[in-house]
Protein backbone atom coordinates (compact mmCIF):
# COMPACT_ATOMS: atom_id res chain seq x y z
CA MET A 1 -164.57 -115.42 0.19
CA LEU A 2 -165.96 -112.30 -1.40
CA SER A 3 -169.52 -111.27 -0.57
CA PHE A 4 -170.41 -111.78 -4.24
CA ASP A 5 -169.10 -115.37 -4.04
CA ILE A 6 -171.30 -116.06 -1.03
CA ILE A 7 -174.40 -114.47 -2.59
CA THR A 8 -173.91 -116.46 -5.81
CA LEU A 9 -173.49 -119.76 -3.95
CA LEU A 10 -176.53 -119.10 -1.74
CA ALA A 11 -178.66 -118.20 -4.76
CA LEU A 12 -177.53 -121.33 -6.60
CA GLY A 13 -178.21 -123.46 -3.53
CA ALA A 14 -181.72 -122.03 -3.16
CA ALA A 15 -182.38 -122.60 -6.85
CA VAL A 16 -181.17 -126.20 -6.63
CA VAL A 17 -183.50 -126.88 -3.70
CA ALA A 18 -186.40 -125.21 -5.51
CA VAL A 19 -185.93 -126.85 -8.91
CA LEU A 20 -184.23 -130.17 -8.31
CA LEU A 21 -185.31 -131.26 -4.84
CA ARG A 22 -188.90 -130.05 -4.75
CA ARG A 23 -191.77 -131.98 -6.32
CA GLU A 24 -194.19 -129.07 -6.67
CA PRO A 25 -193.73 -126.61 -9.57
CA LEU A 26 -192.59 -123.08 -8.84
CA THR A 27 -195.28 -120.44 -8.53
CA GLY A 28 -195.42 -116.67 -8.37
CA ARG A 29 -192.14 -114.92 -7.61
CA GLU A 30 -190.46 -118.28 -6.97
CA ARG A 31 -190.17 -118.68 -10.73
CA TYR A 32 -187.62 -115.86 -10.85
CA LEU A 33 -185.26 -117.52 -8.35
CA PRO A 34 -183.53 -119.94 -10.78
CA TRP A 35 -183.11 -117.24 -13.39
CA ALA A 36 -181.65 -114.84 -10.82
CA ALA A 37 -179.17 -117.54 -9.74
CA LEU A 38 -178.23 -118.19 -13.35
CA ALA A 39 -177.73 -114.48 -14.00
CA LEU A 40 -175.49 -114.12 -10.92
CA THR A 41 -173.45 -117.11 -12.05
CA VAL A 42 -172.98 -115.66 -15.52
CA VAL A 43 -171.79 -112.36 -14.01
CA HIS A 44 -169.42 -114.27 -11.69
CA PHE A 45 -168.00 -116.19 -14.65
CA VAL A 46 -167.45 -113.01 -16.69
CA LEU A 47 -165.76 -111.19 -13.80
CA PHE A 48 -163.67 -113.93 -12.21
CA ARG A 49 -163.65 -117.25 -14.13
CA ARG A 50 -161.99 -118.90 -11.15
CA PRO A 51 -161.07 -122.58 -11.63
CA THR A 52 -162.19 -123.30 -8.06
CA SER A 53 -165.68 -122.07 -9.05
CA PHE A 54 -166.03 -124.28 -12.12
CA PRO A 55 -168.20 -126.85 -10.24
CA ALA A 56 -170.62 -124.02 -9.45
CA TYR A 57 -170.71 -123.07 -13.12
CA GLY A 58 -171.50 -126.72 -13.87
CA VAL A 59 -174.38 -126.58 -11.39
CA ALA A 60 -175.72 -123.51 -13.19
CA VAL A 61 -175.60 -125.35 -16.54
CA ALA A 62 -177.39 -128.37 -15.02
CA LEU A 63 -179.99 -126.05 -13.54
CA PHE A 64 -180.57 -124.40 -16.91
CA PHE A 65 -180.90 -127.81 -18.60
CA THR A 66 -183.46 -128.93 -16.03
CA LEU A 67 -185.49 -125.76 -16.39
CA ARG A 68 -185.59 -126.19 -20.16
CA ALA A 69 -186.33 -129.92 -20.08
CA SER A 70 -188.26 -130.36 -16.84
CA THR A 71 -191.00 -132.32 -18.60
CA TYR A 72 -188.52 -135.00 -19.63
CA VAL A 73 -186.50 -135.26 -16.41
CA SER A 74 -187.86 -137.73 -13.87
CA VAL A 75 -188.26 -136.86 -10.22
CA ILE A 76 -185.62 -139.41 -9.21
CA LEU A 77 -183.09 -138.00 -11.66
CA ARG A 78 -183.81 -134.48 -10.45
CA ARG A 79 -183.21 -135.59 -6.85
CA VAL A 80 -179.92 -137.23 -7.76
CA MET A 81 -178.86 -134.13 -9.67
CA GLY A 82 -179.92 -131.96 -6.74
CA VAL A 83 -177.85 -133.84 -4.17
CA ALA A 84 -174.84 -133.87 -6.50
CA ALA A 85 -175.27 -130.14 -7.13
CA LEU A 86 -175.42 -129.32 -3.42
CA LEU A 87 -172.27 -131.37 -2.79
CA ALA A 88 -170.55 -129.50 -5.63
CA LEU A 89 -171.55 -126.16 -4.09
CA VAL A 90 -170.19 -127.25 -0.71
CA ALA A 91 -166.91 -128.16 -2.41
CA VAL A 92 -166.80 -124.76 -4.11
CA ALA A 93 -167.43 -123.03 -0.78
CA ALA A 94 -164.59 -125.01 0.82
CA LEU A 95 -162.20 -124.18 -2.03
CA GLY A 96 -163.28 -120.55 -1.90
CA TRP A 97 -162.40 -120.44 1.79
CA ALA A 98 -159.07 -122.22 1.29
CA PHE A 99 -157.99 -120.18 -1.74
CA PRO A 100 -159.87 -116.88 -1.50
CA LEU A 101 -159.65 -113.82 -3.67
CA ILE A 102 -157.54 -111.44 -1.63
CA PHE A 103 -156.76 -107.76 -1.45
CA LEU A 104 -153.28 -106.67 -0.43
CA PRO A 105 -153.12 -103.61 1.84
CA ALA A 106 -152.41 -100.32 0.09
CA PRO A 107 -148.92 -98.84 0.55
CA THR A 108 -148.75 -95.72 2.71
CA GLY A 109 -146.29 -93.54 0.77
CA PRO A 110 -147.04 -90.50 -1.42
CA TYR A 111 -146.04 -92.12 -4.73
CA GLN A 112 -147.80 -94.48 -7.07
CA VAL A 113 -145.91 -97.74 -7.64
CA GLY A 114 -144.64 -98.82 -11.05
CA SER A 115 -142.96 -102.10 -11.94
CA ARG A 116 -140.93 -103.66 -14.73
CA TRP A 117 -139.65 -107.14 -15.52
CA LEU A 118 -136.15 -107.47 -16.90
CA THR A 119 -134.08 -110.49 -17.91
CA VAL A 120 -130.32 -109.96 -17.58
CA VAL A 121 -127.51 -112.33 -18.53
CA ASP A 122 -124.12 -112.57 -16.83
CA SER A 123 -121.99 -113.45 -19.84
CA THR A 124 -119.00 -114.22 -17.60
CA ARG A 125 -120.68 -117.16 -15.82
CA VAL A 126 -121.82 -120.55 -17.04
CA GLU A 127 -125.16 -121.75 -15.70
CA ASP A 128 -124.18 -124.41 -13.15
CA PHE A 129 -127.45 -126.34 -13.49
CA VAL A 130 -127.24 -126.85 -17.26
CA ALA A 131 -124.89 -129.33 -18.94
CA ASP A 132 -124.29 -127.05 -21.94
CA SER A 133 -121.35 -124.77 -21.12
CA ALA A 134 -122.58 -122.27 -23.71
CA VAL A 135 -125.60 -121.42 -21.51
CA LYS A 136 -124.86 -118.38 -19.36
CA ARG A 137 -126.46 -117.40 -16.06
CA ALA A 138 -129.74 -115.58 -16.82
CA LEU A 139 -131.47 -113.74 -13.96
CA LEU A 140 -135.02 -112.42 -13.88
CA LEU A 141 -135.39 -109.08 -12.12
CA ARG A 142 -138.58 -107.45 -11.01
CA ILE A 143 -138.22 -103.76 -10.28
CA TRP A 144 -140.66 -101.67 -8.23
CA TYR A 145 -140.22 -97.90 -8.24
CA PRO A 146 -141.97 -94.60 -7.44
CA SER A 147 -144.18 -93.19 -10.17
CA ASP A 148 -146.43 -90.19 -10.64
CA SER A 149 -149.01 -91.97 -12.77
CA THR A 150 -151.01 -95.17 -13.10
CA ALA A 151 -151.61 -97.57 -15.98
CA ALA A 152 -154.67 -99.12 -17.58
CA SER A 153 -154.82 -101.91 -14.99
CA ALA A 154 -152.89 -102.97 -11.92
CA ALA A 155 -150.51 -105.92 -12.03
CA PRO A 156 -151.74 -109.18 -10.46
CA ILE A 157 -149.87 -110.73 -7.56
CA MET A 158 -148.26 -113.09 -10.09
CA PRO A 159 -148.73 -114.01 -13.77
CA PRO A 160 -150.89 -117.10 -14.51
CA LEU A 161 -147.95 -119.23 -15.65
CA GLN A 162 -146.04 -118.49 -12.47
CA ALA A 163 -149.09 -119.19 -10.28
CA GLN A 164 -149.61 -122.58 -11.88
CA SER A 165 -145.92 -123.49 -11.72
CA LEU A 166 -145.55 -122.40 -8.09
CA ALA A 167 -148.52 -124.55 -7.06
CA LYS A 168 -146.88 -127.56 -8.72
CA ALA A 169 -143.59 -126.75 -6.98
CA MET A 170 -145.43 -126.92 -3.63
CA ASN A 171 -147.12 -130.20 -4.59
CA LEU A 172 -150.53 -128.52 -4.74
CA PRO A 173 -153.14 -128.76 -7.52
CA ALA A 174 -152.29 -126.50 -10.45
CA PHE A 175 -155.38 -124.35 -9.77
CA ALA A 176 -154.48 -123.72 -6.11
CA PHE A 177 -152.91 -120.30 -6.71
CA SER A 178 -155.01 -119.34 -9.73
CA HIS A 179 -156.69 -116.66 -7.61
CA LEU A 180 -153.33 -114.90 -7.26
CA SER A 181 -153.15 -114.29 -11.01
CA ARG A 182 -156.55 -112.60 -10.82
CA THR A 183 -155.89 -110.53 -7.71
CA PRO A 184 -154.69 -106.97 -8.44
CA THR A 185 -151.91 -105.36 -6.47
CA HIS A 186 -151.21 -101.65 -6.09
CA THR A 187 -148.51 -101.83 -8.78
CA TRP A 188 -148.90 -100.33 -12.24
CA PRO A 189 -146.97 -102.14 -14.99
CA ASP A 190 -144.57 -100.02 -17.04
CA ALA A 191 -145.64 -96.73 -15.44
CA PRO A 192 -142.85 -94.13 -15.89
CA LEU A 193 -140.35 -93.46 -13.12
CA SER A 194 -141.32 -90.40 -11.08
CA GLY A 195 -139.71 -87.13 -12.10
CA LYS A 196 -140.04 -85.53 -8.66
CA GLU A 197 -136.44 -86.42 -7.69
CA ALA A 198 -133.32 -86.36 -9.82
CA THR A 199 -132.08 -89.66 -8.40
CA TRP A 200 -133.54 -92.44 -6.27
CA PRO A 201 -132.08 -94.76 -3.60
CA VAL A 202 -131.87 -98.46 -4.47
CA VAL A 203 -132.78 -101.51 -2.37
CA LEU A 204 -131.96 -105.09 -3.42
CA PHE A 205 -134.02 -108.11 -2.39
CA SER A 206 -133.46 -111.88 -2.48
CA HIS A 207 -136.23 -114.44 -1.95
CA GLY A 208 -136.15 -117.67 0.06
CA PHE A 209 -134.59 -120.94 -1.07
CA GLY A 210 -136.92 -123.61 -2.45
CA ILE A 211 -140.44 -122.18 -2.71
CA GLY A 212 -139.33 -118.54 -2.76
CA TYR A 213 -139.87 -116.25 -5.75
CA GLU A 214 -139.15 -112.64 -6.63
CA SER A 215 -142.60 -111.27 -5.65
CA GLN A 216 -143.02 -113.17 -2.37
CA ASN A 217 -142.80 -109.90 -0.39
CA THR A 218 -144.85 -107.66 -2.67
CA VAL A 219 -146.30 -105.80 0.33
CA GLN A 220 -142.83 -104.60 1.36
CA MET A 221 -141.84 -103.83 -2.24
CA GLU A 222 -144.88 -101.62 -2.74
CA GLU A 223 -144.37 -99.91 0.62
CA LEU A 224 -140.75 -99.05 -0.16
CA ALA A 225 -141.49 -97.89 -3.72
CA SER A 226 -144.36 -95.71 -2.52
CA HIS A 227 -141.89 -93.96 -0.21
CA GLY A 228 -139.38 -93.24 -2.96
CA TYR A 229 -137.17 -96.34 -3.26
CA VAL A 230 -136.30 -98.35 -6.35
CA VAL A 231 -136.51 -101.99 -5.27
CA VAL A 232 -134.78 -104.62 -7.40
CA SER A 233 -135.83 -108.19 -6.61
CA ILE A 234 -133.56 -110.93 -7.94
CA ASP A 235 -134.88 -114.34 -9.01
CA HIS A 236 -132.17 -116.95 -8.41
CA PRO A 237 -133.01 -119.63 -11.03
CA TYR A 238 -133.00 -123.35 -10.15
CA GLU A 239 -133.03 -122.47 -6.44
CA ALA A 240 -136.29 -120.49 -6.48
CA GLY A 241 -139.64 -122.23 -6.40
CA VAL A 242 -140.18 -121.20 -10.00
CA VAL A 243 -138.80 -118.56 -12.36
CA ALA A 244 -141.23 -117.69 -15.15
CA TYR A 245 -139.39 -115.57 -17.70
CA PRO A 246 -141.41 -113.12 -19.82
CA ASN A 247 -140.69 -115.16 -22.97
CA GLY A 248 -142.60 -118.13 -21.50
CA HIS A 249 -139.55 -120.14 -20.41
CA VAL A 250 -140.06 -121.66 -16.95
CA VAL A 251 -137.26 -122.82 -14.64
CA ARG A 252 -138.27 -124.92 -11.66
CA MET A 253 -136.44 -125.79 -8.49
CA ALA A 254 -133.53 -128.22 -8.87
CA PRO A 255 -133.11 -130.96 -6.22
CA ALA A 256 -131.95 -129.25 -3.02
CA PRO A 257 -129.35 -130.49 -0.50
CA PHE A 258 -131.86 -130.42 2.35
CA SER A 259 -134.31 -132.55 0.35
CA ASP A 260 -131.87 -135.47 0.62
CA PRO A 261 -133.52 -137.79 3.19
CA ALA A 262 -130.10 -138.77 4.52
CA ASN A 263 -129.48 -135.19 5.67
CA GLY A 264 -132.58 -134.92 7.89
CA PRO A 265 -131.38 -136.99 10.88
CA LYS A 266 -127.96 -135.33 10.69
CA LEU A 267 -129.47 -131.84 10.94
CA LEU A 268 -131.88 -132.41 13.85
CA PRO A 269 -129.38 -132.04 16.74
CA PHE A 270 -127.97 -128.85 15.28
CA ILE A 271 -131.44 -127.37 14.74
CA ALA A 272 -132.21 -128.17 18.38
CA THR A 273 -129.01 -126.37 19.41
CA LEU A 274 -129.95 -123.28 17.41
CA ASP A 275 -133.39 -123.22 19.03
CA THR A 276 -132.38 -123.75 22.65
CA THR A 277 -128.81 -122.94 23.62
CA SER A 278 -127.51 -119.58 24.80
CA ASP A 279 -123.87 -120.64 24.41
CA THR A 280 -122.55 -118.62 21.46
CA THR A 281 -119.69 -121.08 20.91
CA ALA A 282 -122.19 -123.94 20.56
CA LEU A 283 -124.33 -121.81 18.25
CA TYR A 284 -121.36 -121.02 16.06
CA ARG A 285 -120.35 -124.70 15.91
CA ALA A 286 -123.91 -125.76 15.01
CA ALA A 287 -124.06 -123.21 12.19
CA ARG A 288 -120.75 -124.44 10.76
CA GLU A 289 -121.80 -128.10 10.93
CA MET A 290 -125.09 -127.33 9.17
CA ARG A 291 -123.17 -125.55 6.43
CA THR A 292 -121.06 -128.66 5.91
CA ILE A 293 -123.98 -131.10 5.87
CA MET A 294 -126.23 -129.06 3.60
CA GLN A 295 -123.42 -127.93 1.29
CA LEU A 296 -125.18 -124.61 0.88
CA ASP A 297 -122.04 -122.50 0.77
CA ARG A 298 -121.89 -123.28 -2.95
CA SER A 299 -125.38 -121.86 -3.30
CA MET A 300 -124.42 -118.84 -1.22
CA ASP A 301 -121.45 -118.21 -3.49
CA ARG A 302 -123.82 -118.38 -6.47
CA TRP A 303 -126.37 -116.00 -4.92
CA MET A 304 -123.63 -113.58 -3.89
CA LYS A 305 -122.34 -113.50 -7.44
CA ASP A 306 -125.90 -112.89 -8.65
CA THR A 307 -126.29 -110.01 -6.21
CA ARG A 308 -122.97 -108.36 -6.97
CA PHE A 309 -123.57 -108.76 -10.70
CA VAL A 310 -126.91 -106.93 -10.37
CA ALA A 311 -125.32 -104.21 -8.22
CA ASP A 312 -122.58 -103.74 -10.84
CA LEU A 313 -125.15 -103.73 -13.63
CA LEU A 314 -127.26 -101.03 -11.97
CA ALA A 315 -124.13 -98.89 -11.57
CA GLN A 316 -123.64 -99.11 -15.34
CA TRP A 317 -127.06 -97.53 -15.85
CA GLY A 318 -125.50 -94.16 -15.07
CA THR A 319 -125.10 -93.51 -18.78
CA ALA A 320 -127.53 -95.93 -20.46
CA ALA A 321 -130.29 -98.19 -19.15
CA PRO A 322 -132.49 -100.86 -20.79
CA ILE A 323 -135.55 -99.28 -19.14
CA PRO A 324 -136.62 -95.85 -20.47
CA GLY A 325 -136.11 -93.04 -17.98
CA PHE A 326 -133.75 -94.93 -15.64
CA ALA A 327 -130.36 -93.84 -17.02
CA GLY A 328 -128.52 -91.72 -14.46
CA ARG A 329 -131.46 -91.87 -12.01
CA LEU A 330 -130.24 -94.47 -9.49
CA ARG A 331 -127.93 -94.03 -6.50
CA THR A 332 -125.85 -97.18 -6.56
CA ASP A 333 -122.88 -96.26 -4.37
CA ARG A 334 -124.91 -96.89 -1.18
CA LEU A 335 -127.36 -99.78 -1.40
CA GLY A 336 -129.97 -101.13 0.95
CA ILE A 337 -130.41 -104.90 0.88
CA PHE A 338 -132.81 -107.30 2.52
CA GLY A 339 -134.00 -110.83 2.01
CA MET A 340 -136.03 -113.63 3.50
CA SER A 341 -134.62 -116.99 4.62
CA PHE A 342 -131.67 -117.85 2.34
CA GLY A 343 -132.17 -114.43 0.77
CA GLY A 344 -131.69 -112.92 4.22
CA ALA A 345 -128.47 -114.88 4.57
CA THR A 346 -127.44 -113.40 1.21
CA ALA A 347 -128.10 -109.91 2.55
CA ALA A 348 -125.90 -110.62 5.59
CA ALA A 349 -123.10 -112.01 3.44
CA PHE A 350 -123.28 -108.99 1.12
CA CYS A 351 -123.08 -106.55 4.03
CA ALA A 352 -120.14 -108.45 5.52
CA VAL A 353 -117.93 -107.98 2.46
CA ASP A 354 -119.32 -105.33 0.10
CA ALA A 355 -118.69 -101.68 0.92
CA ARG A 356 -121.77 -100.63 -1.08
CA CYS A 357 -124.05 -101.96 1.67
CA ALA A 358 -125.52 -99.03 3.61
CA ALA A 359 -127.99 -101.15 5.60
CA GLY A 360 -129.20 -104.75 5.57
CA ILE A 361 -131.95 -106.97 6.95
CA ASN A 362 -132.16 -110.74 7.33
CA LEU A 363 -135.76 -111.94 7.63
CA ASP A 364 -135.54 -115.31 9.42
CA GLY A 365 -132.69 -116.93 7.51
CA LEU A 366 -129.90 -119.15 8.81
CA THR A 367 -126.49 -117.60 8.23
CA PHE A 368 -124.26 -118.97 5.49
CA GLY A 369 -121.29 -117.68 3.54
CA ALA A 370 -119.14 -114.72 4.53
CA ALA A 371 -121.31 -113.59 7.45
CA VAL A 372 -120.49 -116.78 9.37
CA ASP A 373 -116.80 -115.89 9.58
CA THR A 374 -116.77 -112.13 9.04
CA ALA A 375 -118.29 -109.50 11.33
CA ILE A 376 -120.92 -107.30 9.73
CA THR A 377 -119.72 -103.72 9.91
CA ARG A 378 -122.79 -102.04 8.45
CA PRO A 379 -126.11 -101.29 10.19
CA PHE A 380 -127.96 -104.60 10.22
CA LEU A 381 -131.23 -105.99 11.56
CA PHE A 382 -131.88 -109.68 12.23
CA ALA A 383 -135.55 -110.71 12.39
CA THR A 384 -136.54 -114.11 13.76
CA SER A 385 -139.63 -116.28 14.20
CA SER A 386 -140.95 -117.34 17.59
CA GLY A 387 -139.13 -120.70 17.49
CA ASN A 388 -135.75 -119.26 16.49
CA ARG A 389 -134.91 -117.04 19.44
CA ARG A 390 -131.17 -117.83 19.60
CA MET A 391 -130.49 -118.42 15.93
CA TYR A 392 -128.61 -115.18 15.24
CA ASP A 393 -126.81 -114.66 18.54
CA THR A 394 -123.37 -115.35 17.11
CA GLU A 395 -123.72 -112.95 14.17
CA PHE A 396 -125.59 -110.34 16.22
CA LEU A 397 -123.03 -110.24 19.03
CA ARG A 398 -120.06 -110.27 16.66
CA ALA A 399 -121.36 -107.39 14.49
CA THR A 400 -119.21 -104.29 14.79
CA GLY A 401 -121.74 -101.99 13.17
CA PRO A 402 -125.01 -101.02 14.89
CA ALA A 403 -127.14 -104.16 15.11
CA TRP A 404 -130.70 -105.05 16.07
CA LEU A 405 -132.27 -108.43 16.70
CA ILE A 406 -136.03 -108.86 16.91
CA ASN A 407 -138.10 -111.94 17.67
CA VAL A 408 -141.81 -112.03 16.78
CA ALA A 409 -144.04 -114.23 18.91
CA GLY A 410 -146.60 -116.21 16.91
CA ALA A 411 -144.63 -116.00 13.65
CA ASN A 412 -143.48 -119.01 11.67
CA HIS A 413 -140.95 -118.94 8.86
CA LEU A 414 -143.38 -118.18 6.02
CA ASP A 415 -145.08 -115.41 7.99
CA TRP A 416 -142.13 -113.28 6.80
CA THR A 417 -143.66 -113.34 3.28
CA ASP A 418 -147.04 -112.54 1.71
CA PHE A 419 -148.22 -116.10 2.37
CA GLY A 420 -150.25 -114.85 5.32
CA TYR A 421 -152.62 -113.32 2.78
CA VAL A 422 -152.74 -116.30 0.42
CA SER A 423 -154.75 -118.92 2.29
CA PRO A 424 -156.16 -119.49 5.81
CA LEU A 425 -155.47 -123.17 5.13
CA PHE A 426 -151.77 -122.53 5.79
CA VAL A 427 -152.57 -121.58 9.38
CA LYS A 428 -154.61 -124.75 9.91
CA LEU A 429 -151.75 -126.83 8.51
CA GLY A 430 -149.20 -125.13 10.78
CA VAL A 431 -147.28 -123.61 7.88
CA LEU A 432 -148.07 -120.18 9.29
CA GLY A 433 -147.91 -119.34 12.97
CA GLY A 434 -151.27 -117.70 13.41
CA ILE A 435 -150.16 -114.08 13.77
CA PRO A 436 -152.48 -112.03 11.52
CA ALA A 437 -151.02 -111.06 8.16
CA SER A 438 -152.01 -107.45 8.83
CA ARG A 439 -149.88 -107.43 12.00
CA MET A 440 -146.88 -108.99 10.26
CA ARG A 441 -147.22 -106.38 7.55
CA GLU A 442 -147.04 -103.60 10.15
CA ILE A 443 -144.00 -105.15 11.84
CA MET A 444 -142.12 -105.85 8.62
CA ASN A 445 -142.87 -102.45 7.12
CA ALA A 446 -141.74 -100.72 10.33
CA ALA A 447 -138.49 -102.68 10.25
CA VAL A 448 -137.73 -102.45 6.53
CA LEU A 449 -138.81 -98.86 5.90
CA GLY A 450 -137.36 -97.70 9.23
CA MET A 451 -133.94 -99.21 8.47
CA MET A 452 -133.80 -97.82 4.93
CA ASP A 453 -135.01 -94.35 5.92
CA ALA A 454 -132.42 -94.14 8.70
CA HIS A 455 -129.35 -95.58 7.02
CA LEU A 456 -129.89 -95.21 3.28
CA THR A 457 -131.50 -91.78 2.94
CA GLY A 458 -131.12 -90.29 6.43
CA ARG A 459 -134.74 -89.13 6.47
CA ALA A 460 -135.17 -90.06 10.12
CA PRO A 461 -133.17 -91.94 12.76
CA PHE A 462 -134.07 -95.57 13.35
CA ARG A 463 -136.45 -95.57 16.31
CA GLU A 464 -136.57 -98.79 18.28
CA GLU A 465 -139.97 -97.83 19.67
CA ALA A 466 -141.35 -98.25 16.13
CA LEU A 467 -140.86 -101.99 16.72
CA THR A 468 -141.27 -102.29 20.49
CA GLN A 469 -144.76 -100.76 20.19
CA PHE A 470 -145.87 -104.23 19.05
CA PRO A 471 -146.43 -106.58 22.03
CA GLU A 472 -145.32 -109.52 19.86
CA VAL A 473 -141.85 -108.05 19.31
CA THR A 474 -138.87 -108.63 21.59
CA LEU A 475 -135.91 -106.42 20.62
CA ARG A 476 -132.23 -106.45 21.48
CA SER A 477 -129.71 -103.98 20.12
CA HIS A 478 -126.16 -102.78 20.47
CA PRO A 479 -124.41 -99.70 19.07
CA ALA A 480 -121.52 -99.79 16.67
CA VAL A 481 -118.38 -101.22 18.22
CA SER A 482 -116.36 -98.97 15.97
CA PRO A 483 -117.39 -96.47 13.29
CA PRO A 484 -118.30 -98.26 10.05
CA PRO A 485 -115.92 -97.65 7.17
CA PRO A 486 -116.86 -94.77 4.83
């Protein structure tokens, strides 16, 4: 909770005790206490208007009513109102702790960060999730990029419609993520692309399957953009938690293969194998069986087509671009790519088959698609949570390009996103592993920026000590088996 939240709640609580629970009238300076609490509440409402604080605003209204009509309100009614008001303030304090206003860490690069939203349509593909064959596949892109200027106000972590829809997708109250639509980032909407370089390197990103969304790793997007990268995040509709298009159209998650209750018991032995065995043959077999049960290769094919369509589209911006100032400014022959969970699997599949991949990163995603059967020839980093130590052994050992595999103690799956900043409740529920969000940010930024700087721009070699400096990180690596193709 913010200090102002705490001060407002304490002032309201003191005023409730003074006005509603005390028999004697206020005297001297005590008379100013209720009015000060009311004034603080009004300021809080003007500045924040948080749904989780609405009960406190109700307490302020009740307090004002009692002050104005104290002659007509009986002592018993005042006591009842006072107890109810204190319970409401306790509830507000609990909600404020569970869903606090947050501040993302500032990126460390020399550039300001601009961003744009863009809807693109692949006219060659029918949308698989819609019965009407005339509906084509429409992707929402969010683009972060280096800028030399700021805008009138910073972008929030997510728009209000997306915050509400994502909460519903996670079976939470609609107001649960309302604070995210009021929390500014370090991104300036529609700021112009920096003119300090003629062209800029490009990094693609794919979110996780299910509750993932295009801005789930905003901290890494801002870090990369501040260091001179154009980052294009791809929303994969119907398999993201929610896609909220700028025109107000919302696409929610379609039923997923792993949500089928019949699949759960079938998957358990293979998950146990991935977590415990050191036999690469058994690991490979488990990965193949999971692919068959979950039928996610169809999804991987869809996400790969999304990714390659976006890569092709960006290459076409060499002569004309839908965003002012971007035409001819992007280097699209050598791309960086990373993703989280299923998005990480997409990055691995892309680097296994697409020569445009200069470097890739898989943040804690099982391997599906081409990377299961085809060795990755490009520089690639696999990052795993504490419970997934053996998950990537097959792909890591088979890679013929330089490869790194890190495991982070204390990290759960969603720690590889911004969720560590969203709510301390997620740690209590076991959704997050307990490693501080600030530490995960340092580890992820070291991995992502280090890989891109070394293999996409050549600014500096990839230094393993940048990751091994963290006691939580265990790192394995091997050099290229053979030189990667040009």
